[in-house]
């Protein structure tokens, strides 16, 4: 009996180790310089006096940037090219309690046509799992 439990535990840990991380291949690094450069540009796009950039997820030409807008909320903005030179394609804001990561990924793929699926997956994981 003990051997069977041990075998099951080993199998589960091996499967978990082989699974890809939810943000594998997504650049989540964000320098202070880049953060300060983008914040006023994004604030202007949102018609807000200011924003604080909380997170950045980048893959190929696409970016998903999570910002905090004082007194308004914390939307995720989706950019098909560099946010420094383009306007966001769509934004997502709201509570994530009722949807699964798969639903958030489907939303991103539908509302940000052309977004790389791994980036949509990273967004979905971040909203559906990481923020809880």
N, C-alpha and C. Protein backbone atom coordinates (compact mmCIF):
# COMPACT_ATOMS: atom_id res chain seq x y z
N UNK A 1 0.82 -1.19 0.00
CA UNK A 1 0.00 0.00 0.00
C UNK A 1 0.87 1.26 0.00
N UNK A 2 1.88 1.26 0.88
CA UNK A 2 2.77 2.41 0.97
C UNK A 2 3.52 2.62 -0.35
N UNK A 3 3.92 1.53 -1.01
CA UNK A 3 4.62 1.64 -2.31
C UNK A 3 3.71 2.26 -3.36
N UNK A 4 2.44 1.89 -3.33
CA UNK A 4 1.50 2.42 -4.31
C UNK A 4 1.33 3.93 -4.09
N UNK A 5 1.21 4.36 -2.86
CA UNK A 5 1.07 5.79 -2.56
C UNK A 5 2.32 6.53 -3.02
N UNK A 6 3.48 5.98 -2.72
CA UNK A 6 4.74 6.59 -3.14
C UNK A 6 4.82 6.68 -4.66
N UNK A 7 4.42 5.63 -5.35
CA UNK A 7 4.45 5.62 -6.82
C UNK A 7 3.53 6.69 -7.38
N UNK A 8 2.35 6.84 -6.80
CA UNK A 8 1.40 7.87 -7.26
C UNK A 8 1.98 9.26 -7.03
N UNK A 9 2.57 9.48 -5.87
CA UNK A 9 3.17 10.79 -5.57
C UNK A 9 4.30 11.11 -6.54
N UNK A 10 5.14 10.13 -6.83
CA UNK A 10 6.23 10.34 -7.78
C UNK A 10 5.71 10.64 -9.17
N UNK A 11 4.67 9.93 -9.59
CA UNK A 11 4.09 10.17 -10.91
C UNK A 11 3.51 11.57 -11.01
N UNK A 12 2.81 11.99 -9.96
CA UNK A 12 2.23 13.33 -9.97
C UNK A 12 3.30 14.41 -9.97
N UNK A 13 4.35 14.23 -9.19
CA UNK A 13 5.41 15.24 -9.17
C UNK A 13 6.17 15.28 -10.49
N UNK A 14 6.34 14.15 -11.14
CA UNK A 14 6.99 14.13 -12.46
C UNK A 14 6.15 14.83 -13.50
N UNK A 15 4.84 14.62 -13.45
CA UNK A 15 3.94 15.28 -14.40
C UNK A 15 3.97 16.78 -14.18
N UNK A 16 3.96 17.20 -12.92
CA UNK A 16 3.99 18.63 -12.62
C UNK A 16 5.32 19.24 -13.07
N UNK A 17 6.40 18.54 -12.88
CA UNK A 17 7.71 19.06 -13.28
C UNK A 17 7.81 19.20 -14.78
N UNK A 18 7.14 18.33 -15.54
CA UNK A 18 7.20 18.38 -16.99
C UNK A 18 6.25 19.39 -17.60
N UNK A 19 5.29 19.88 -16.81
CA UNK A 19 4.32 20.84 -17.32
C UNK A 19 5.00 22.20 -17.51
N UNK A 20 4.62 22.89 -18.57
CA UNK A 20 5.19 24.21 -18.84
C UNK A 20 4.66 25.22 -17.83
N UNK A 21 5.52 26.11 -17.41
CA UNK A 21 5.09 27.20 -16.52
C UNK A 21 4.10 28.08 -17.29
N UNK A 22 3.14 28.67 -16.60
CA UNK A 22 2.09 29.42 -17.30
C UNK A 22 2.60 30.62 -18.10
N UNK A 23 3.75 31.15 -17.74
CA UNK A 23 4.28 32.31 -18.47
C UNK A 23 5.60 32.01 -19.18
N UNK A 24 5.83 30.73 -19.47
CA UNK A 24 7.06 30.34 -20.15
C UNK A 24 7.17 31.04 -21.50
N UNK A 25 8.31 31.67 -21.74
CA UNK A 25 8.54 32.36 -23.00
C UNK A 25 8.05 33.80 -23.01
N UNK A 26 7.42 34.24 -21.93
CA UNK A 26 6.91 35.60 -21.83
C UNK A 26 7.89 36.43 -21.01
N UNK A 27 8.29 37.56 -21.54
CA UNK A 27 9.20 38.46 -20.83
C UNK A 27 8.38 39.28 -19.84
N UNK A 28 8.64 39.08 -18.55
CA UNK A 28 7.92 39.81 -17.51
C UNK A 28 8.81 40.83 -16.82
N UNK A 29 10.02 41.03 -17.34
CA UNK A 29 10.94 42.01 -16.76
C UNK A 29 10.47 43.41 -17.15
N UNK A 30 10.61 44.33 -16.22
CA UNK A 30 10.23 45.71 -16.49
C UNK A 30 11.17 46.61 -15.70
N UNK A 31 11.96 47.38 -16.42
CA UNK A 31 12.90 48.28 -15.75
C UNK A 31 12.16 49.51 -15.22
N UNK A 32 12.76 50.14 -14.25
CA UNK A 32 12.20 51.37 -13.71
C UNK A 32 12.12 52.45 -14.77
N UNK A 33 13.13 52.51 -15.64
CA UNK A 33 13.15 53.50 -16.71
C UNK A 33 11.96 53.30 -17.65
N UNK A 34 11.74 52.05 -18.05
CA UNK A 34 10.62 51.74 -18.96
C UNK A 34 9.29 52.04 -18.28
N UNK A 35 9.18 51.69 -17.01
CA UNK A 35 7.96 51.94 -16.24
C UNK A 35 7.63 53.45 -16.24
N UNK A 36 8.65 54.28 -15.98
CA UNK A 36 8.45 55.73 -15.93
C UNK A 36 8.20 56.33 -17.31
N UNK A 37 8.73 55.72 -18.35
CA UNK A 37 8.49 56.19 -19.71
C UNK A 37 7.05 55.91 -20.13
N UNK A 38 6.57 54.69 -19.85
CA UNK A 38 5.24 54.29 -20.31
C UNK A 38 4.09 54.87 -19.49
N UNK A 39 4.30 55.09 -18.20
CA UNK A 39 3.20 55.52 -17.33
C UNK A 39 2.47 56.77 -17.84
N UNK A 40 3.15 57.86 -18.18
CA UNK A 40 2.40 59.03 -18.66
C UNK A 40 1.73 58.80 -20.02
N UNK A 41 2.35 57.99 -20.87
CA UNK A 41 1.75 57.69 -22.18
C UNK A 41 0.45 56.91 -22.01
N UNK A 42 0.47 55.92 -21.14
CA UNK A 42 -0.72 55.11 -20.89
C UNK A 42 -1.79 55.94 -20.18
N UNK A 43 -1.38 56.79 -19.25
CA UNK A 43 -2.33 57.67 -18.56
C UNK A 43 -3.08 58.54 -19.58
N UNK A 44 -2.35 59.10 -20.54
CA UNK A 44 -2.98 59.91 -21.59
C UNK A 44 -3.97 59.09 -22.38
N UNK A 45 -3.60 57.86 -22.75
CA UNK A 45 -4.50 57.00 -23.52
C UNK A 45 -5.79 56.71 -22.75
N UNK A 46 -5.68 56.57 -21.44
CA UNK A 46 -6.85 56.27 -20.62
C UNK A 46 -7.59 57.52 -20.16
N UNK A 47 -7.04 58.68 -20.45
CA UNK A 47 -7.66 59.93 -19.99
C UNK A 47 -7.60 60.07 -18.48
N UNK A 48 -6.54 59.54 -17.89
CA UNK A 48 -6.36 59.57 -16.44
C UNK A 48 -5.23 60.53 -16.08
N UNK A 49 -5.29 61.12 -14.90
CA UNK A 49 -4.19 62.01 -14.52
C UNK A 49 -2.86 61.28 -14.34
N UNK A 50 -2.94 60.00 -13.93
CA UNK A 50 -1.72 59.21 -13.76
C UNK A 50 -2.08 57.73 -13.69
N UNK A 51 -1.07 56.90 -13.88
CA UNK A 51 -1.23 55.45 -13.69
C UNK A 51 0.06 54.94 -13.05
N UNK A 52 -0.06 53.80 -12.42
CA UNK A 52 1.10 53.09 -11.91
C UNK A 52 1.15 51.77 -12.65
N UNK A 53 2.27 51.47 -13.27
CA UNK A 53 2.39 50.20 -13.99
C UNK A 53 2.75 49.12 -12.97
N UNK A 54 1.87 48.12 -12.89
CA UNK A 54 2.04 47.04 -11.92
C UNK A 54 2.79 45.84 -12.50
N UNK A 55 2.54 45.55 -13.77
CA UNK A 55 3.11 44.35 -14.38
C UNK A 55 3.17 44.55 -15.89
N UNK A 56 4.14 43.91 -16.51
CA UNK A 56 4.29 43.93 -17.96
C UNK A 56 4.57 42.51 -18.42
N UNK A 57 3.86 42.09 -19.46
CA UNK A 57 4.07 40.77 -20.08
C UNK A 57 4.27 41.02 -21.57
N UNK A 58 5.40 40.58 -22.10
CA UNK A 58 5.73 40.87 -23.49
C UNK A 58 6.12 39.59 -24.22
N UNK A 59 5.58 39.44 -25.41
CA UNK A 59 5.97 38.33 -26.29
C UNK A 59 5.87 38.82 -27.73
N UNK A 60 6.97 38.67 -28.42
CA UNK A 60 7.09 39.18 -29.79
C UNK A 60 6.76 40.67 -29.79
N UNK A 61 5.85 41.13 -30.64
CA UNK A 61 5.52 42.55 -30.67
C UNK A 61 4.42 42.91 -29.67
N UNK A 62 3.80 41.89 -29.07
CA UNK A 62 2.65 42.10 -28.19
C UNK A 62 3.06 42.39 -26.75
N UNK A 63 2.24 43.22 -26.08
CA UNK A 63 2.42 43.50 -24.66
C UNK A 63 1.06 43.49 -23.97
N UNK A 64 1.04 42.99 -22.76
CA UNK A 64 -0.11 43.13 -21.87
C UNK A 64 0.44 43.86 -20.66
N UNK A 65 -0.13 45.03 -20.38
CA UNK A 65 0.36 45.85 -19.28
C UNK A 65 -0.77 46.06 -18.28
N UNK A 66 -0.47 45.70 -17.03
CA UNK A 66 -1.43 45.86 -15.94
C UNK A 66 -1.11 47.16 -15.24
N UNK A 67 -2.10 48.04 -15.15
CA UNK A 67 -1.89 49.34 -14.52
C UNK A 67 -2.90 49.57 -13.41
N UNK A 68 -2.53 50.44 -12.51
CA UNK A 68 -3.44 50.90 -11.48
C UNK A 68 -3.77 52.35 -11.80
N UNK A 69 -5.07 52.63 -11.92
CA UNK A 69 -5.53 53.99 -12.18
C UNK A 69 -6.15 54.50 -10.88
N UNK A 70 -5.52 55.45 -10.22
CA UNK A 70 -6.04 55.92 -8.93
C UNK A 70 -7.53 56.30 -9.01
N UNK A 71 -8.31 55.70 -8.11
CA UNK A 71 -9.73 55.98 -8.04
C UNK A 71 -10.57 55.33 -9.11
N UNK A 72 -9.96 54.48 -9.96
CA UNK A 72 -10.71 53.92 -11.08
C UNK A 72 -10.60 52.41 -11.22
N UNK A 73 -9.51 51.81 -10.85
CA UNK A 73 -9.37 50.36 -11.02
C UNK A 73 -8.01 49.98 -11.54
N UNK A 74 -7.91 48.72 -11.95
CA UNK A 74 -6.63 48.18 -12.40
C UNK A 74 -6.83 47.36 -13.68
N UNK A 75 -6.93 48.03 -14.83
CA UNK A 75 -7.12 47.30 -16.08
C UNK A 75 -5.83 46.69 -16.63
N UNK A 76 -6.01 45.67 -17.46
CA UNK A 76 -4.94 45.10 -18.27
C UNK A 76 -5.14 45.66 -19.67
N UNK A 77 -4.09 46.26 -20.24
CA UNK A 77 -4.16 46.82 -21.58
C UNK A 77 -3.37 45.93 -22.53
N UNK A 78 -3.94 45.64 -23.68
CA UNK A 78 -3.35 44.75 -24.68
C UNK A 78 -2.87 45.58 -25.87
N UNK A 79 -1.59 45.47 -26.16
CA UNK A 79 -0.97 46.21 -27.27
C UNK A 79 -0.42 45.22 -28.30
N UNK A 80 -0.71 45.49 -29.58
CA UNK A 80 -0.20 44.64 -30.66
C UNK A 80 1.22 45.04 -31.04
N UNK A 81 1.62 46.27 -30.69
CA UNK A 81 3.00 46.71 -30.92
C UNK A 81 3.43 47.58 -29.73
N UNK A 82 4.62 48.09 -29.79
CA UNK A 82 5.21 48.81 -28.66
C UNK A 82 4.26 49.89 -28.12
N UNK A 83 3.91 49.82 -26.84
CA UNK A 83 3.00 50.80 -26.25
C UNK A 83 3.51 52.24 -26.32
N UNK A 84 4.82 52.38 -26.51
CA UNK A 84 5.39 53.72 -26.63
C UNK A 84 4.93 54.40 -27.91
N UNK A 85 4.56 53.60 -28.93
CA UNK A 85 4.21 54.17 -30.22
C UNK A 85 2.84 53.73 -30.73
N UNK A 86 2.02 53.11 -29.89
CA UNK A 86 0.72 52.65 -30.35
C UNK A 86 -0.32 52.76 -29.23
N UNK A 87 -1.55 52.62 -29.63
CA UNK A 87 -2.67 52.63 -28.68
C UNK A 87 -3.05 51.18 -28.40
N UNK A 88 -3.60 50.95 -27.22
CA UNK A 88 -4.00 49.59 -26.86
C UNK A 88 -5.13 49.10 -27.77
N UNK A 89 -5.15 47.79 -28.01
CA UNK A 89 -6.14 47.14 -28.85
C UNK A 89 -7.43 46.92 -28.07
N UNK A 90 -7.28 46.47 -26.85
CA UNK A 90 -8.43 46.22 -25.97
C UNK A 90 -7.94 46.30 -24.54
N UNK A 91 -8.88 46.34 -23.61
CA UNK A 91 -8.50 46.29 -22.20
C UNK A 91 -9.47 45.39 -21.47
N UNK A 92 -8.97 44.80 -20.39
CA UNK A 92 -9.80 43.97 -19.52
C UNK A 92 -9.70 44.52 -18.11
N UNK A 93 -10.85 44.65 -17.49
CA UNK A 93 -10.89 45.10 -16.11
C UNK A 93 -12.08 44.43 -15.46
N UNK A 94 -11.90 44.00 -14.27
CA UNK A 94 -13.03 43.41 -13.55
C UNK A 94 -12.60 42.36 -12.56
N UNK A 95 -13.57 41.83 -11.89
CA UNK A 95 -13.31 40.77 -10.90
C UNK A 95 -13.13 39.45 -11.61
N UNK A 96 -12.25 38.62 -11.10
CA UNK A 96 -11.92 37.36 -11.76
C UNK A 96 -12.48 36.15 -11.02
N UNK A 97 -13.31 36.34 -10.08
CA UNK A 97 -13.73 35.26 -9.20
C UNK A 97 -14.59 34.18 -9.87
N UNK A 98 -15.35 34.54 -10.91
CA UNK A 98 -16.30 33.59 -11.47
C UNK A 98 -15.83 32.87 -12.72
N UNK A 99 -14.71 33.24 -13.26
CA UNK A 99 -14.25 32.63 -14.52
C UNK A 99 -12.98 31.82 -14.27
N UNK A 100 -12.75 30.88 -15.15
CA UNK A 100 -11.54 30.05 -15.06
C UNK A 100 -10.46 30.64 -15.95
N UNK A 101 -9.23 30.17 -15.75
CA UNK A 101 -8.12 30.63 -16.58
C UNK A 101 -8.41 30.35 -18.06
N UNK A 102 -9.04 29.23 -18.36
CA UNK A 102 -9.37 28.91 -19.76
C UNK A 102 -10.33 29.95 -20.35
N UNK A 103 -11.26 30.43 -19.55
CA UNK A 103 -12.19 31.45 -20.03
C UNK A 103 -11.47 32.78 -20.28
N UNK A 104 -10.51 33.13 -19.42
CA UNK A 104 -9.76 34.36 -19.62
C UNK A 104 -8.88 34.26 -20.86
N UNK A 105 -8.30 33.10 -21.08
CA UNK A 105 -7.48 32.91 -22.28
C UNK A 105 -8.35 33.05 -23.53
N UNK A 106 -9.53 32.43 -23.51
CA UNK A 106 -10.45 32.53 -24.65
C UNK A 106 -10.85 33.99 -24.89
N UNK A 107 -11.10 34.73 -23.80
CA UNK A 107 -11.44 36.13 -23.93
C UNK A 107 -10.31 36.89 -24.62
N UNK A 108 -9.07 36.68 -24.15
CA UNK A 108 -7.92 37.39 -24.73
C UNK A 108 -7.75 37.06 -26.21
N UNK A 109 -7.88 35.80 -26.57
CA UNK A 109 -7.72 35.39 -27.97
C UNK A 109 -8.81 36.02 -28.85
N UNK A 110 -10.01 36.17 -28.30
CA UNK A 110 -11.12 36.74 -29.07
C UNK A 110 -11.04 38.26 -29.18
N UNK A 111 -10.60 38.93 -28.13
CA UNK A 111 -10.62 40.39 -28.11
C UNK A 111 -9.30 41.04 -28.52
N UNK A 112 -8.25 40.25 -28.59
CA UNK A 112 -6.94 40.76 -29.03
C UNK A 112 -6.47 39.86 -30.18
N UNK A 113 -7.13 39.96 -31.34
CA UNK A 113 -6.79 39.08 -32.46
C UNK A 113 -5.31 39.16 -32.81
N UNK A 114 -4.67 38.00 -32.89
CA UNK A 114 -3.26 37.93 -33.23
C UNK A 114 -2.34 37.80 -32.03
N UNK A 115 -2.89 37.92 -30.82
CA UNK A 115 -2.05 37.79 -29.63
C UNK A 115 -1.44 36.39 -29.60
N UNK A 116 -0.17 36.27 -29.28
CA UNK A 116 0.42 34.93 -29.17
C UNK A 116 -0.29 34.12 -28.07
N UNK A 117 -0.72 32.90 -28.36
CA UNK A 117 -1.41 32.09 -27.35
C UNK A 117 -0.66 31.97 -26.02
N UNK A 118 0.69 31.83 -26.00
CA UNK A 118 1.35 31.78 -24.69
C UNK A 118 1.19 33.07 -23.88
N UNK A 119 1.11 34.22 -24.55
CA UNK A 119 0.90 35.48 -23.85
C UNK A 119 -0.53 35.53 -23.31
N UNK A 120 -1.49 35.08 -24.10
CA UNK A 120 -2.87 35.00 -23.63
C UNK A 120 -2.96 34.07 -22.42
N UNK A 121 -2.21 32.98 -22.47
CA UNK A 121 -2.19 32.03 -21.36
C UNK A 121 -1.60 32.66 -20.10
N UNK A 122 -0.53 33.43 -20.25
CA UNK A 122 0.11 34.10 -19.12
C UNK A 122 -0.86 35.09 -18.49
N UNK A 123 -1.54 35.88 -19.32
CA UNK A 123 -2.55 36.82 -18.82
C UNK A 123 -3.63 36.05 -18.06
N UNK A 124 -4.13 34.98 -18.64
CA UNK A 124 -5.20 34.20 -18.03
C UNK A 124 -4.77 33.62 -16.68
N UNK A 125 -3.56 33.10 -16.63
CA UNK A 125 -3.05 32.57 -15.37
C UNK A 125 -2.94 33.68 -14.33
N UNK A 126 -2.41 34.83 -14.77
CA UNK A 126 -2.22 35.93 -13.84
C UNK A 126 -3.54 36.41 -13.25
N UNK A 127 -4.57 36.53 -14.10
CA UNK A 127 -5.87 37.01 -13.65
C UNK A 127 -6.62 35.94 -12.86
N UNK A 128 -6.59 34.72 -13.37
CA UNK A 128 -7.41 33.67 -12.77
C UNK A 128 -6.80 32.95 -11.60
N UNK A 129 -5.48 32.94 -11.51
CA UNK A 129 -4.82 32.15 -10.47
C UNK A 129 -3.91 33.00 -9.58
N UNK A 130 -3.03 33.76 -10.21
CA UNK A 130 -1.99 34.49 -9.48
C UNK A 130 -2.54 35.61 -8.61
N UNK A 131 -3.65 36.23 -9.01
CA UNK A 131 -4.19 37.37 -8.25
C UNK A 131 -5.05 36.92 -7.07
N UNK A 132 -5.38 35.65 -6.97
CA UNK A 132 -6.25 35.19 -5.87
C UNK A 132 -5.51 35.13 -4.58
